[in-house]
Amino acid sequence: MKITCDIALDLIGLYLDGEASPDSKRAVEEHLRECESCRKYYRTLRKNTINQTDSNFPSLSSPPDSAYEEIMIRIGKRVRNTGMLFVGGALTFAAICSIASIHFIKGR
């Protein structure tokens, strides 16, 4: 299967990661045999990928359970505070409406 350089360049990353489908893998390999510029790109990308060892990246471990609990406590506080503001605002609005109604009725 013949593919263009644009398609080959899109697929090379997947090819290097071992994520390309069998058809895509064959197409990339065929294209790399025929295209010097894509071969250079492939070699550069492969070299950079191989040279990046796990030690260059921070360890990604799960956060401790206490972090999860702390986050949930903070979210709960915010939700409660927001709810209290809503209730306070609704009560204030109701009081203003009541006072306005009383003045309107007396003014008739």
Protein backbone atom coordinates (compact mmCIF):
# COMPACT_ATOMS: atom_id res chain seq x y z
CA MET A 1 0.00 0.00 0.00
CA LYS A 2 1.50 3.33 -1.07
CA ILE A 3 1.14 6.22 1.34
CA THR A 4 2.20 9.85 1.18
CA CYS A 5 4.88 11.38 3.35
CA ASP A 6 2.20 13.24 5.35
CA ILE A 7 0.46 9.98 6.21
CA ALA A 8 3.78 8.26 6.96
CA LEU A 9 4.76 11.07 9.32
CA ASP A 10 1.41 10.76 11.10
CA LEU A 11 1.87 7.00 11.49
CA ILE A 12 5.54 6.85 12.50
CA GLY A 13 4.81 7.76 16.12
CA LEU A 14 2.22 4.98 16.37
CA TYR A 15 4.65 2.63 14.62
CA LEU A 16 7.40 3.39 17.15
CA ASP A 17 5.00 2.94 20.06
CA GLY A 18 3.87 -0.42 18.68
CA GLU A 19 0.32 0.92 18.35
CA ALA A 20 0.01 0.87 14.54
CA SER A 21 -2.32 -1.67 12.97
CA PRO A 22 -0.68 -4.43 10.89
CA ASP A 23 -1.70 -2.68 7.64
CA SER A 24 -0.35 0.67 8.86
CA LYS A 25 2.86 -1.00 10.01
CA ARG A 26 3.42 -2.55 6.59
CA ALA A 27 2.63 0.74 4.86
CA VAL A 28 5.12 2.64 7.04
CA GLU A 29 7.84 0.03 6.52
CA GLU A 30 7.29 0.11 2.75
CA HIS A 31 7.35 3.90 2.71
CA LEU A 32 10.53 4.05 4.81
CA ARG A 33 12.30 1.73 2.36
CA GLU A 34 11.53 4.17 -0.45
CA CYS A 35 11.71 7.63 1.17
CA GLU A 36 15.00 8.99 2.49
CA SER A 37 13.53 12.10 4.19
CA CYS A 38 10.97 10.05 6.13
CA ARG A 39 13.69 7.55 7.00
CA LYS A 40 15.75 10.40 8.50
CA TYR A 41 12.75 11.59 10.47
CA TYR A 42 12.11 8.03 11.68
CA ARG A 43 15.72 7.56 12.78
CA THR A 44 15.74 10.89 14.63
CA LEU A 45 12.46 10.16 16.37
CA ARG A 46 13.52 6.61 17.24
CA LYS A 47 16.86 7.87 18.60
CA ASN A 48 15.14 10.51 20.75
CA THR A 49 12.58 7.99 21.97
CA ILE A 50 15.22 5.42 22.89
CA ASN A 51 17.43 8.01 24.63
CA GLN A 52 14.62 9.05 26.94
CA THR A 53 14.86 6.67 29.86
CA ASP A 54 12.37 6.36 32.65
CA SER A 55 14.82 8.12 34.97
CA ASN A 56 14.22 11.36 33.04
CA PHE A 57 10.58 11.37 34.08
CA PRO A 58 9.16 11.84 37.56
CA SER A 59 7.71 8.84 39.27
CA LEU A 60 3.96 8.72 38.92
CA SER A 61 2.59 6.99 41.95
CA SER A 62 -0.89 7.12 43.37
CA PRO A 63 -1.45 9.87 45.89
CA PRO A 64 -1.90 8.74 49.48
CA ASP A 65 -5.44 8.13 50.70
CA SER A 66 -5.11 11.15 52.96
CA ALA A 67 -4.81 13.39 49.89
CA TYR A 68 -8.08 12.04 48.52
CA GLU A 69 -9.77 12.55 51.88
CA GLU A 70 -8.41 16.12 52.13
CA ILE A 71 -9.70 16.97 48.65
CA MET A 72 -13.15 15.58 49.46
CA ILE A 73 -13.26 17.57 52.72
CA ARG A 74 -12.39 20.77 50.85
CA ILE A 75 -15.00 20.09 48.17
CA GLY A 76 -17.59 19.41 50.87
CA LYS A 77 -16.80 22.70 52.61
CA ARG A 78 -17.14 24.62 49.36
CA VAL A 79 -20.44 22.97 48.54
CA ARG A 80 -21.78 23.69 52.02
CA ASN A 81 -20.57 27.31 51.87
CA THR A 82 -22.13 27.77 48.43
CA GLY A 83 -25.39 26.25 49.68
CA MET A 84 -25.44 28.58 52.67
CA LEU A 85 -24.90 31.59 50.41
CA PHE A 86 -27.77 30.46 48.22
CA VAL A 87 -30.09 29.99 51.19
CA GLY A 88 -29.05 33.37 52.64
CA GLY A 89 -29.63 35.06 49.31
CA ALA A 90 -33.03 33.42 48.89
CA LEU A 91 -34.11 34.49 52.39
CA THR A 92 -32.93 38.05 51.76
CA PHE A 93 -34.83 38.13 48.46
CA ALA A 94 -37.97 36.79 50.16
CA ALA A 95 -37.71 39.42 52.90
CA ILE A 96 -37.33 42.23 50.36
CA CYS A 97 -40.31 40.94 48.38
CA SER A 98 -42.40 40.74 51.57
CA ILE A 99 -41.52 44.30 52.58
CA ALA A 100 -42.22 45.57 49.07
CA SER A 101 -45.58 43.75 49.04
CA ILE A 102 -46.57 45.27 52.38
CA HIS A 103 -45.69 48.78 51.17
CA PHE A 104 -47.56 48.18 47.91
CA ILE A 105 -50.70 46.94 49.71
CA LYS A 106 -50.63 49.85 52.21
CA GLY A 107 -50.16 52.33 49.40
CA ARG A 108 -53.47 51.33 47.74
